[in-house]
Amino acid sequence: MNLKPKIIGITGGISSGKSTIARMLASLGAETIDADEMCHKLLTKKDIKAKIIERFGNSVLDINGKIDRSRLAEIVFQDKNSLDGLCSILHPIVIEQIRSRIGEIEKRGRRRAIVIDAALLEESDLSLLCDFIIFVNTGRDHRVSRGKISRHWQEGELERRERYQMSLEEKRKKSDYVIDNNFTEENTYRQINEFWQLYLGKN
């Protein structure tokens, strides 16, 4: 008899290392669903592109006529209405796609867990699909320096974006398990392994 895989959601601050945690869980046998990747793919679809241009104008296009993600981010992180506008275009489709992927993985069986890696897990109600929610606890300085290195962000960009998300304290309260990602990767992996043994090792 195939047991239904457990669904794990990952939450935390921007640049806290959520994707690293997802990769670690994948190495233990989970299947990951990357919501950000889904959003990026949606931006290339004709109907979605048309809705975004209608909402934000042609200034979101690059010289090749494609959606310029950094330009779009610049616009939507100026005010909450703009961000809500973008979310109302993308989120219903992404949630539908995630539900569909979960169904496919469950049908195939063989997976102990499914990981949802989504920046706005709580805000988009994706958390309601999860059996467990892991909060990735990473100090502000670590997150700021990661943002500068990996995303080439200027000073203050992280705060500007986080202003529109649920507070970290609130996210932490709503989680079932906290992973401290302030030290080495080995240290983080050991915690992930403990989580796996505790919640999934006995299935």
N, C-alpha and C. Protein backbone atom coordinates (compact mmCIF):
# COMPACT_ATOMS: atom_id res chain seq x y z
N MET A 1 0.84 -1.20 0.00
CA MET A 1 0.00 0.00 0.00
C MET A 1 0.88 1.26 0.00
N ASN A 2 0.61 2.17 -0.92
CA ASN A 2 1.38 3.40 -0.99
C ASN A 2 0.89 4.42 0.03
N LEU A 3 1.79 4.83 0.91
CA LEU A 3 1.41 5.89 1.85
C LEU A 3 1.50 7.22 1.12
N LYS A 4 0.57 8.11 1.40
CA LYS A 4 0.62 9.44 0.77
C LYS A 4 1.87 10.17 1.24
N PRO A 5 2.60 10.80 0.31
CA PRO A 5 3.77 11.55 0.76
C PRO A 5 3.37 12.74 1.64
N LYS A 6 4.20 13.05 2.61
CA LYS A 6 3.97 14.22 3.45
C LYS A 6 4.37 15.47 2.66
N ILE A 7 3.62 16.54 2.85
CA ILE A 7 3.93 17.78 2.13
C ILE A 7 4.58 18.76 3.10
N ILE A 8 5.79 19.19 2.72
CA ILE A 8 6.58 20.09 3.57
C ILE A 8 6.69 21.45 2.89
N GLY A 9 6.31 22.49 3.61
CA GLY A 9 6.46 23.85 3.09
C GLY A 9 7.67 24.49 3.75
N ILE A 10 8.40 25.31 2.99
CA ILE A 10 9.56 26.00 3.56
C ILE A 10 9.29 27.49 3.57
N THR A 11 9.48 28.10 4.72
CA THR A 11 9.24 29.53 4.85
C THR A 11 10.43 30.18 5.57
N GLY A 12 10.48 31.51 5.52
CA GLY A 12 11.60 32.23 6.13
C GLY A 12 11.76 33.56 5.44
N GLY A 13 12.76 34.32 5.85
CA GLY A 13 13.00 35.62 5.24
C GLY A 13 13.59 35.50 3.85
N ILE A 14 13.64 36.63 3.14
CA ILE A 14 14.27 36.66 1.81
C ILE A 14 15.76 36.36 1.98
N SER A 15 16.30 35.53 1.06
CA SER A 15 17.72 35.13 1.08
C SER A 15 18.11 34.38 2.36
N SER A 16 17.14 33.64 2.93
CA SER A 16 17.46 32.88 4.16
C SER A 16 18.02 31.50 3.84
N GLY A 17 17.96 31.08 2.57
CA GLY A 17 18.49 29.77 2.19
C GLY A 17 17.42 28.71 2.02
N LYS A 18 16.19 29.15 1.67
CA LYS A 18 15.07 28.19 1.53
C LYS A 18 15.34 27.16 0.43
N SER A 19 15.93 27.62 -0.68
CA SER A 19 16.20 26.69 -1.79
C SER A 19 17.29 25.68 -1.43
N THR A 20 18.23 26.11 -0.59
CA THR A 20 19.28 25.19 -0.11
C THR A 20 18.65 24.09 0.74
N ILE A 21 17.71 24.49 1.60
CA ILE A 21 17.00 23.52 2.45
C ILE A 21 16.21 22.55 1.57
N ALA A 22 15.56 23.08 0.53
CA ALA A 22 14.79 22.23 -0.39
C ALA A 22 15.71 21.20 -1.06
N ARG A 23 16.90 21.65 -1.47
CA ARG A 23 17.87 20.72 -2.11
C ARG A 23 18.32 19.64 -1.14
N MET A 24 18.52 20.02 0.12
CA MET A 24 18.94 19.03 1.13
C MET A 24 17.85 17.98 1.34
N LEU A 25 16.59 18.44 1.38
CA LEU A 25 15.47 17.49 1.54
C LEU A 25 15.36 16.59 0.31
N ALA A 26 15.64 17.16 -0.87
CA ALA A 26 15.61 16.36 -2.11
C ALA A 26 16.68 15.27 -2.06
N SER A 27 17.84 15.59 -1.47
CA SER A 27 18.93 14.60 -1.40
C SER A 27 18.56 13.44 -0.48
N LEU A 28 17.57 13.67 0.41
CA LEU A 28 17.11 12.60 1.31
C LEU A 28 15.94 11.82 0.70
N GLY A 29 15.46 12.27 -0.46
CA GLY A 29 14.41 11.51 -1.15
C GLY A 29 13.11 12.24 -1.38
N ALA A 30 13.07 13.55 -1.06
CA ALA A 30 11.83 14.31 -1.31
C ALA A 30 11.81 14.79 -2.76
N GLU A 31 10.63 15.06 -3.25
CA GLU A 31 10.48 15.69 -4.57
C GLU A 31 10.16 17.16 -4.33
N THR A 32 10.85 18.06 -5.02
CA THR A 32 10.62 19.48 -4.76
C THR A 32 9.80 20.14 -5.86
N ILE A 33 8.98 21.09 -5.43
CA ILE A 33 8.19 21.91 -6.35
C ILE A 33 8.64 23.35 -6.13
N ASP A 34 9.20 23.96 -7.17
CA ASP A 34 9.75 25.31 -7.06
C ASP A 34 8.75 26.32 -7.63
N ALA A 35 8.07 27.04 -6.72
CA ALA A 35 7.03 27.99 -7.14
C ALA A 35 7.62 29.18 -7.91
N ASP A 36 8.83 29.61 -7.53
CA ASP A 36 9.45 30.75 -8.21
C ASP A 36 9.75 30.41 -9.67
N GLU A 37 10.22 29.20 -9.87
CA GLU A 37 10.51 28.74 -11.24
C GLU A 37 9.22 28.73 -12.07
N MET A 38 8.14 28.28 -11.45
CA MET A 38 6.83 28.28 -12.14
C MET A 38 6.44 29.71 -12.53
N CYS A 39 6.64 30.66 -11.61
CA CYS A 39 6.32 32.06 -11.90
C CYS A 39 7.15 32.58 -13.07
N HIS A 40 8.44 32.25 -13.07
CA HIS A 40 9.32 32.71 -14.16
C HIS A 40 8.84 32.18 -15.51
N LYS A 41 8.42 30.91 -15.53
CA LYS A 41 7.94 30.32 -16.79
C LYS A 41 6.64 30.99 -17.24
N LEU A 42 5.79 31.33 -16.27
CA LEU A 42 4.51 31.98 -16.62
C LEU A 42 4.73 33.32 -17.31
N LEU A 43 5.80 34.02 -16.93
CA LEU A 43 6.07 35.33 -17.52
C LEU A 43 6.35 35.26 -19.02
N THR A 44 6.67 34.06 -19.50
CA THR A 44 6.96 33.91 -20.94
C THR A 44 5.69 33.56 -21.74
N LYS A 45 4.60 33.27 -21.04
CA LYS A 45 3.36 32.89 -21.74
C LYS A 45 2.62 34.13 -22.25
N LYS A 46 2.12 34.01 -23.47
CA LYS A 46 1.50 35.15 -24.16
C LYS A 46 0.39 35.83 -23.36
N ASP A 47 -0.56 35.03 -22.88
CA ASP A 47 -1.72 35.61 -22.18
C ASP A 47 -1.32 36.29 -20.87
N ILE A 48 -0.35 35.68 -20.16
CA ILE A 48 0.12 36.26 -18.90
C ILE A 48 0.88 37.56 -19.19
N LYS A 49 1.73 37.50 -20.20
CA LYS A 49 2.51 38.68 -20.60
C LYS A 49 1.57 39.85 -20.93
N ALA A 50 0.50 39.53 -21.66
CA ALA A 50 -0.48 40.56 -22.06
C ALA A 50 -1.13 41.19 -20.81
N LYS A 51 -1.49 40.35 -19.84
CA LYS A 51 -2.11 40.87 -18.61
C LYS A 51 -1.15 41.78 -17.83
N ILE A 52 0.13 41.38 -17.81
CA ILE A 52 1.14 42.16 -17.08
C ILE A 52 1.36 43.52 -17.76
N ILE A 53 1.43 43.50 -19.09
CA ILE A 53 1.61 44.77 -19.84
C ILE A 53 0.39 45.67 -19.64
N GLU A 54 -0.78 45.05 -19.64
CA GLU A 54 -2.02 45.81 -19.44
C GLU A 54 -2.02 46.49 -18.06
N ARG A 55 -1.50 45.77 -17.08
CA ARG A 55 -1.49 46.27 -15.69
C ARG A 55 -0.36 47.27 -15.43
N PHE A 56 0.84 46.97 -15.99
CA PHE A 56 2.02 47.79 -15.63
C PHE A 56 2.62 48.59 -16.78
N GLY A 57 2.11 48.40 -18.00
CA GLY A 57 2.63 49.18 -19.13
C GLY A 57 3.84 48.53 -19.79
N ASN A 58 4.27 49.12 -20.92
CA ASN A 58 5.37 48.57 -21.72
C ASN A 58 6.74 48.72 -21.06
N SER A 59 6.81 49.51 -20.00
CA SER A 59 8.12 49.73 -19.36
C SER A 59 8.68 48.45 -18.72
N VAL A 60 7.83 47.42 -18.59
CA VAL A 60 8.32 46.16 -18.00
C VAL A 60 9.01 45.27 -19.04
N LEU A 61 9.05 45.70 -20.30
CA LEU A 61 9.65 44.88 -21.37
C LEU A 61 11.12 45.23 -21.57
N ASP A 62 11.91 44.20 -21.95
CA ASP A 62 13.31 44.47 -22.29
C ASP A 62 13.41 44.77 -23.79
N ILE A 63 14.61 44.92 -24.32
CA ILE A 63 14.77 45.31 -25.73
C ILE A 63 14.28 44.24 -26.70
N ASN A 64 14.16 42.99 -26.20
CA ASN A 64 13.66 41.90 -27.06
C ASN A 64 12.15 41.70 -26.93
N GLY A 65 11.50 42.58 -26.17
CA GLY A 65 10.05 42.47 -26.01
C GLY A 65 9.62 41.42 -25.00
N LYS A 66 10.58 40.93 -24.18
CA LYS A 66 10.25 39.96 -23.13
C LYS A 66 10.09 40.72 -21.81
N ILE A 67 9.39 40.07 -20.85
CA ILE A 67 9.24 40.70 -19.53
C ILE A 67 10.61 40.76 -18.86
N ASP A 68 10.99 41.96 -18.44
CA ASP A 68 12.24 42.14 -17.72
C ASP A 68 11.93 41.98 -16.23
N ARG A 69 12.36 40.85 -15.67
CA ARG A 69 11.99 40.51 -14.29
C ARG A 69 12.49 41.54 -13.29
N SER A 70 13.71 42.05 -13.47
CA SER A 70 14.22 43.02 -12.49
C SER A 70 13.47 44.34 -12.57
N ARG A 71 13.07 44.72 -13.78
CA ARG A 71 12.28 45.95 -13.96
C ARG A 71 10.89 45.79 -13.31
N LEU A 72 10.30 44.61 -13.53
CA LEU A 72 8.98 44.32 -12.96
C LEU A 72 9.07 44.35 -11.43
N ALA A 73 10.13 43.74 -10.88
CA ALA A 73 10.31 43.72 -9.43
C ALA A 73 10.46 45.14 -8.88
N GLU A 74 11.19 45.96 -9.62
CA GLU A 74 11.39 47.35 -9.23
C GLU A 74 10.05 48.08 -9.08
N ILE A 75 9.14 47.79 -10.00
CA ILE A 75 7.81 48.44 -9.99
C ILE A 75 6.94 47.89 -8.86
N VAL A 76 6.85 46.55 -8.77
CA VAL A 76 5.89 45.97 -7.82
C VAL A 76 6.31 46.14 -6.37
N PHE A 77 7.63 46.34 -6.12
CA PHE A 77 8.04 46.53 -4.73
C PHE A 77 8.05 48.00 -4.32
N GLN A 78 7.42 48.84 -5.15
CA GLN A 78 7.25 50.25 -4.79
C GLN A 78 6.02 50.44 -3.90
N ASP A 79 4.97 49.66 -4.19
CA ASP A 79 3.76 49.79 -3.35
C ASP A 79 2.97 48.49 -3.35
N LYS A 80 2.21 48.30 -2.29
CA LYS A 80 1.50 47.03 -2.06
C LYS A 80 0.45 46.75 -3.15
N ASN A 81 -0.20 47.78 -3.65
CA ASN A 81 -1.22 47.57 -4.69
C ASN A 81 -0.63 46.92 -5.94
N SER A 82 0.57 47.39 -6.31
CA SER A 82 1.23 46.83 -7.50
C SER A 82 1.60 45.36 -7.27
N LEU A 83 2.13 45.08 -6.07
CA LEU A 83 2.51 43.70 -5.76
C LEU A 83 1.27 42.81 -5.74
N ASP A 84 0.20 43.28 -5.10
CA ASP A 84 -1.06 42.52 -5.07
C ASP A 84 -1.58 42.28 -6.49
N GLY A 85 -1.41 43.30 -7.35
CA GLY A 85 -1.85 43.17 -8.75
C GLY A 85 -1.12 42.06 -9.47
N LEU A 86 0.20 41.99 -9.28
CA LEU A 86 0.99 40.93 -9.91
C LEU A 86 0.61 39.56 -9.34
N CYS A 87 0.46 39.51 -8.00
CA CYS A 87 0.10 38.24 -7.35
C CYS A 87 -1.26 37.74 -7.83
N SER A 88 -2.19 38.67 -8.07
CA SER A 88 -3.54 38.23 -8.51
C SER A 88 -3.49 37.63 -9.93
N ILE A 89 -2.48 38.02 -10.70
CA ILE A 89 -2.32 37.43 -12.05
C ILE A 89 -1.64 36.06 -11.96
N LEU A 90 -0.58 35.97 -11.14
CA LEU A 90 0.25 34.75 -11.13
C LEU A 90 -0.20 33.68 -10.13
N HIS A 91 -0.60 34.10 -8.91
CA HIS A 91 -0.82 33.12 -7.85
C HIS A 91 -1.89 32.06 -8.12
N PRO A 92 -3.07 32.44 -8.64
CA PRO A 92 -4.08 31.39 -8.85
C PRO A 92 -3.58 30.28 -9.79
N ILE A 93 -2.80 30.68 -10.81
CA ILE A 93 -2.29 29.68 -11.76
C ILE A 93 -1.21 28.82 -11.11
N VAL A 94 -0.31 29.47 -10.35
CA VAL A 94 0.77 28.73 -9.69
C VAL A 94 0.19 27.74 -8.68
N ILE A 95 -0.81 28.17 -7.92
CA ILE A 95 -1.42 27.28 -6.92
C ILE A 95 -2.07 26.07 -7.61
N GLU A 96 -2.73 26.34 -8.72
CA GLU A 96 -3.35 25.27 -9.51
C GLU A 96 -2.29 24.29 -10.01
N GLN A 97 -1.17 24.83 -10.51
CA GLN A 97 -0.07 23.99 -11.02
C GLN A 97 0.55 23.15 -9.90
N ILE A 98 0.69 23.77 -8.72
CA ILE A 98 1.27 23.04 -7.58
C ILE A 98 0.35 21.90 -7.16
N ARG A 99 -0.95 22.18 -7.08
CA ARG A 99 -1.93 21.12 -6.74
C ARG A 99 -1.84 19.96 -7.74
N SER A 100 -1.73 20.32 -9.00
CA SER A 100 -1.67 19.32 -10.07
C SER A 100 -0.38 18.48 -9.96
N ARG A 101 0.76 19.16 -9.68
CA ARG A 101 2.04 18.44 -9.51
C ARG A 101 1.98 17.50 -8.31
N ILE A 102 1.36 17.96 -7.22
CA ILE A 102 1.23 17.10 -6.03
C ILE A 102 0.45 15.84 -6.40
N GLY A 103 -0.65 16.04 -7.15
CA GLY A 103 -1.47 14.90 -7.59
C GLY A 103 -0.67 13.90 -8.42
N GLU A 104 0.15 14.42 -9.34
CA GLU A 104 0.98 13.54 -10.20
C GLU A 104 1.98 12.74 -9.36
N ILE A 105 2.63 13.43 -8.42
CA ILE A 105 3.66 12.77 -7.59
C ILE A 105 2.99 11.70 -6.71
N GLU A 106 1.82 12.02 -6.16
CA GLU A 106 1.09 11.05 -5.32
C GLU A 106 0.71 9.81 -6.13
N LYS A 107 0.30 10.03 -7.37
CA LYS A 107 -0.09 8.89 -8.23
C LYS A 107 1.08 7.96 -8.50
N ARG A 108 2.25 8.57 -8.73
CA ARG A 108 3.44 7.76 -9.03
C ARG A 108 3.90 6.98 -7.81
N GLY A 109 3.58 7.50 -6.61
CA GLY A 109 4.03 6.84 -5.37
C GLY A 109 5.54 6.97 -5.24
N ARG A 110 6.13 6.15 -4.38
CA ARG A 110 7.59 6.05 -4.21
C ARG A 110 8.23 7.24 -3.49
N ARG A 111 7.54 8.36 -3.34
CA ARG A 111 8.15 9.50 -2.65
C ARG A 111 7.65 9.60 -1.22
N ARG A 112 8.57 9.79 -0.29
CA ARG A 112 8.22 9.92 1.12
C ARG A 112 7.66 11.32 1.40
N ALA A 113 8.18 12.31 0.64
CA ALA A 113 7.78 13.70 0.92
C ALA A 113 7.81 14.55 -0.34
N ILE A 114 7.02 15.61 -0.31
CA ILE A 114 7.00 16.62 -1.38
C ILE A 114 7.32 17.96 -0.71
N VAL A 115 8.27 18.69 -1.26
CA VAL A 115 8.65 19.98 -0.69
C VAL A 115 8.14 21.11 -1.57
N ILE A 116 7.44 22.07 -0.97
CA ILE A 116 7.01 23.26 -1.70
C ILE A 116 7.95 24.40 -1.32
N ASP A 117 8.72 24.85 -2.31
CA ASP A 117 9.64 25.98 -2.10
C ASP A 117 8.97 27.21 -2.73
N ALA A 118 8.34 28.03 -1.88
CA ALA A 118 7.60 29.20 -2.38
C ALA A 118 7.86 30.39 -1.48
N ALA A 119 8.26 31.52 -2.09
CA ALA A 119 8.58 32.72 -1.32
C ALA A 119 7.39 33.17 -0.45
N LEU A 120 6.19 33.10 -1.02
CA LEU A 120 5.01 33.60 -0.30
C LEU A 120 4.11 32.44 0.14
N LEU A 121 4.72 31.47 0.81
CA LEU A 121 3.99 30.26 1.22
C LEU A 121 2.78 30.60 2.08
N GLU A 122 2.98 31.44 3.10
CA GLU A 122 1.88 31.81 4.00
C GLU A 122 0.92 32.78 3.32
N GLU A 123 1.49 33.79 2.63
CA GLU A 123 0.67 34.85 2.06
C GLU A 123 -0.27 34.33 0.97
N SER A 124 0.13 33.26 0.27
CA SER A 124 -0.70 32.75 -0.83
C SER A 124 -1.56 31.55 -0.39
N ASP A 125 -1.54 31.24 0.92
CA ASP A 125 -2.32 30.12 1.48
C ASP A 125 -1.84 28.75 1.02
N LEU A 126 -0.66 28.68 0.41
CA LEU A 126 -0.11 27.38 0.05
C LEU A 126 0.19 26.56 1.30
N SER A 127 0.36 27.26 2.42
CA SER A 127 0.65 26.58 3.69
C SER A 127 -0.49 25.62 4.07
N LEU A 128 -1.70 25.91 3.58
CA LEU A 128 -2.85 25.06 3.91
C LEU A 128 -2.72 23.66 3.30
N LEU A 129 -1.86 23.53 2.28
CA LEU A 129 -1.66 22.21 1.65
C LEU A 129 -0.64 21.37 2.43
N CYS A 130 0.09 22.01 3.36
CA CYS A 130 1.26 21.36 3.98
C CYS A 130 0.93 20.58 5.25
N ASP A 131 1.67 19.46 5.40
CA ASP A 131 1.60 18.69 6.66
C ASP A 131 2.55 19.29 7.69
N PHE A 132 3.70 19.77 7.21
CA PHE A 132 4.70 20.40 8.09
C PHE A 132 5.19 21.67 7.43
N ILE A 133 5.52 22.67 8.25
CA ILE A 133 6.15 23.88 7.73
C ILE A 133 7.46 24.09 8.47
N ILE A 134 8.53 24.22 7.68
CA ILE A 134 9.86 24.48 8.24
C ILE A 134 10.15 25.97 8.10
N PHE A 135 10.55 26.60 9.20
CA PHE A 135 10.98 28.00 9.14
C PHE A 135 12.50 28.02 9.13
N VAL A 136 13.07 28.70 8.13
CA VAL A 136 14.53 28.80 8.03
C VAL A 136 14.96 30.09 8.73
N ASN A 137 15.63 29.93 9.85
CA ASN A 137 16.04 31.08 10.66
C ASN A 137 17.46 31.50 10.27
N THR A 138 17.57 32.66 9.63
CA THR A 138 18.87 33.18 9.19
C THR A 138 18.95 34.65 9.57
N GLY A 139 20.04 35.03 10.22
CA GLY A 139 20.20 36.42 10.67
C GLY A 139 20.20 37.43 9.52
N ARG A 140 19.82 38.65 9.85
CA ARG A 140 19.68 39.70 8.83
C ARG A 140 21.00 39.93 8.08
N ASP A 141 22.12 39.98 8.80
CA ASP A 141 23.41 40.25 8.14
C ASP A 141 23.75 39.19 7.10
N HIS A 142 23.50 37.93 7.45
CA HIS A 142 23.74 36.84 6.49
C HIS A 142 22.87 37.04 5.25
N ARG A 143 21.60 37.39 5.49
CA ARG A 143 20.65 37.51 4.38
C ARG A 143 20.99 38.69 3.48
N VAL A 144 21.39 39.80 4.11
CA VAL A 144 21.77 40.99 3.34
C VAL A 144 22.98 40.68 2.46
N SER A 145 24.01 40.03 3.04
CA SER A 145 25.21 39.75 2.24
C SER A 145 24.91 38.74 1.14
N ARG A 146 24.02 37.76 1.40
CA ARG A 146 23.62 36.82 0.34
C ARG A 146 22.91 37.54 -0.79
N GLY A 147 22.01 38.47 -0.42
CA GLY A 147 21.27 39.24 -1.42
C GLY A 147 22.21 40.05 -2.30
N LYS A 148 23.24 40.62 -1.68
CA LYS A 148 24.22 41.42 -2.43
C LYS A 148 25.02 40.55 -3.39
N ILE A 149 25.43 39.37 -2.90
CA ILE A 149 26.27 38.48 -3.72
C ILE A 149 25.46 37.80 -4.83
N SER A 150 24.35 37.14 -4.44
CA SER A 150 23.63 36.34 -5.43
C SER A 150 22.68 37.15 -6.31
N ARG A 151 22.15 38.26 -5.77
CA ARG A 151 21.17 39.03 -6.55
C ARG A 151 21.63 40.44 -6.88
N HIS A 152 22.86 40.76 -6.46
CA HIS A 152 23.44 42.09 -6.71
C HIS A 152 22.55 43.23 -6.20
N TRP A 153 21.95 43.01 -5.01
CA TRP A 153 21.06 44.01 -4.45
C TRP A 153 21.84 45.13 -3.78
N GLN A 154 21.27 46.32 -3.84
CA GLN A 154 21.83 47.48 -3.16
C GLN A 154 21.40 47.44 -1.69
N GLU A 155 22.06 48.25 -0.88
CA GLU A 155 21.69 48.40 0.54
C GLU A 155 20.22 48.80 0.65
N GLY A 156 19.48 48.15 1.54
CA GLY A 156 18.08 48.52 1.78
C GLY A 156 17.07 47.77 0.92
N GLU A 157 17.56 47.02 -0.10
CA GLU A 157 16.64 46.31 -1.00
C GLU A 157 15.89 45.20 -0.28
N LEU A 158 16.60 44.47 0.58
CA LEU A 158 15.97 43.36 1.30
C LEU A 158 14.81 43.86 2.16
N GLU A 159 15.05 44.96 2.89
CA GLU A 159 13.99 45.52 3.75
C GLU A 159 12.81 46.02 2.90
N ARG A 160 13.15 46.62 1.76
CA ARG A 160 12.10 47.16 0.88
C ARG A 160 11.15 46.05 0.44
N ARG A 161 11.70 44.89 0.13
CA ARG A 161 10.87 43.77 -0.33
C ARG A 161 10.16 43.08 0.82
N GLU A 162 10.84 42.98 1.95
CA GLU A 162 10.24 42.26 3.08
C GLU A 162 9.10 43.01 3.72
N ARG A 163 9.06 44.32 3.47
CA ARG A 163 8.00 45.16 4.02
C ARG A 163 6.61 44.63 3.64
N TYR A 164 6.52 44.00 2.48
CA TYR A 164 5.22 43.55 1.98
C TYR A 164 4.92 42.08 2.31
N GLN A 165 5.82 41.46 3.08
CA GLN A 165 5.58 40.07 3.46
C GLN A 165 5.14 39.99 4.92
N MET A 166 4.60 38.83 5.26
CA MET A 166 4.25 38.58 6.66
C MET A 166 5.53 38.70 7.50
N SER A 167 5.43 39.19 8.73
CA SER A 167 6.63 39.38 9.55
C SER A 167 7.29 38.02 9.84
N LEU A 168 8.61 38.06 10.04
CA LEU A 168 9.35 36.82 10.31
C LEU A 168 8.86 36.16 11.59
N GLU A 169 8.52 36.98 12.58
CA GLU A 169 8.03 36.47 13.85
C GLU A 169 6.74 35.67 13.65
N GLU A 170 5.87 36.23 12.81
CA GLU A 170 4.58 35.59 12.50
C GLU A 170 4.81 34.27 11.74
N LYS A 171 5.73 34.31 10.77
CA LYS A 171 6.05 33.09 9.99
C LYS A 171 6.60 32.00 10.91
N ARG A 172 7.46 32.43 11.81
CA ARG A 172 8.08 31.47 12.73
C ARG A 172 7.02 30.83 13.63
N LYS A 173 6.08 31.65 14.13
CA LYS A 173 5.00 31.13 14.99
C LYS A 173 4.16 30.09 14.28
N LYS A 174 3.94 30.31 12.97
CA LYS A 174 3.06 29.41 12.22
C LYS A 174 3.77 28.12 11.77
N SER A 175 5.09 28.06 11.99
CA SER A 175 5.84 26.88 11.52
C SER A 175 5.80 25.75 12.55
N ASP A 176 6.17 24.56 12.09
CA ASP A 176 6.20 23.38 12.97
C ASP A 176 7.62 23.06 13.41
N TYR A 177 8.60 23.56 12.66
CA TYR A 177 9.99 23.18 12.91
C TYR A 177 10.89 24.32 12.47
N VAL A 178 11.90 24.63 13.28
CA VAL A 178 12.82 25.73 12.93
C VAL A 178 14.20 25.16 12.63
N ILE A 179 14.75 25.56 11.50
CA ILE A 179 16.12 25.18 11.13
C ILE A 179 16.99 26.43 11.26
N ASP A 180 18.06 26.33 12.03
CA ASP A 180 18.97 27.46 12.20
C ASP A 180 20.01 27.41 11.09
N ASN A 181 19.95 28.37 10.18
CA ASN A 181 20.84 28.37 9.02
C ASN A 181 21.91 29.48 9.13
N ASN A 182 22.40 29.69 10.35
CA ASN A 182 23.38 30.76 10.56
C ASN A 182 24.82 30.26 10.59
N PHE A 183 25.00 28.94 10.49
CA PHE A 183 26.35 28.40 10.62
C PHE A 183 26.78 27.71 9.33
N THR A 184 27.43 26.57 9.44
CA THR A 184 27.94 25.91 8.23
C THR A 184 26.82 25.12 7.54
N GLU A 185 27.09 24.76 6.28
CA GLU A 185 26.13 23.95 5.53
C GLU A 185 25.99 22.56 6.18
N GLU A 186 27.11 22.06 6.72
CA GLU A 186 27.09 20.75 7.40
C GLU A 186 26.16 20.79 8.60
N ASN A 187 26.24 21.89 9.34
CA ASN A 187 25.41 22.06 10.52
C ASN A 187 23.93 22.09 10.12
N THR A 188 23.62 22.82 9.05
CA THR A 188 22.23 22.90 8.57
C THR A 188 21.76 21.52 8.10
N TYR A 189 22.63 20.81 7.39
CA TYR A 189 22.25 19.48 6.88
C TYR A 189 21.97 18.52 8.02
N ARG A 190 22.74 18.63 9.08
CA ARG A 190 22.52 17.75 10.25
C ARG A 190 21.13 17.98 10.83
N GLN A 191 20.71 19.25 10.89
CA GLN A 191 19.37 19.58 11.41
C GLN A 191 18.28 19.04 10.48
N ILE A 192 18.51 19.16 9.18
CA ILE A 192 17.54 18.65 8.19
C ILE A 192 17.40 17.14 8.33
N ASN A 193 18.53 16.49 8.53
CA ASN A 193 18.54 15.03 8.70
C ASN A 193 17.76 14.63 9.95
N GLU A 194 17.93 15.41 11.02
CA GLU A 194 17.19 15.14 12.27
C GLU A 194 15.68 15.30 12.04
N PHE A 195 15.33 16.37 11.32
CA PHE A 195 13.91 16.60 10.99
C PHE A 195 13.36 15.39 10.23
N TRP A 196 14.12 14.93 9.23
CA TRP A 196 13.68 13.83 8.38
C TRP A 196 13.47 12.56 9.20
N GLN A 197 14.44 12.24 10.07
CA GLN A 197 14.32 11.04 10.91
C GLN A 197 13.13 11.14 11.85
N LEU A 198 12.93 12.31 12.40
CA LEU A 198 11.86 12.54 13.37
C LEU A 198 10.47 12.40 12.74
N TYR A 199 10.28 13.03 11.57
CA TYR A 199 8.94 13.08 10.98
C TYR A 199 8.70 12.08 9.85
N LEU A 200 9.78 11.63 9.20
CA LEU A 200 9.57 10.79 8.02
C LEU A 200 10.31 9.47 8.07
N GLY A 201 11.22 9.32 9.01
CA GLY A 201 12.04 8.10 9.07
C GLY A 201 11.29 6.84 9.42
N LYS A 202 10.14 7.01 10.10
CA LYS A 202 9.42 5.81 10.59
C LYS A 202 8.37 5.30 9.61
N ASN A 203 8.13 6.06 8.52
CA ASN A 203 7.05 5.64 7.57
C ASN A 203 7.38 4.34 6.88
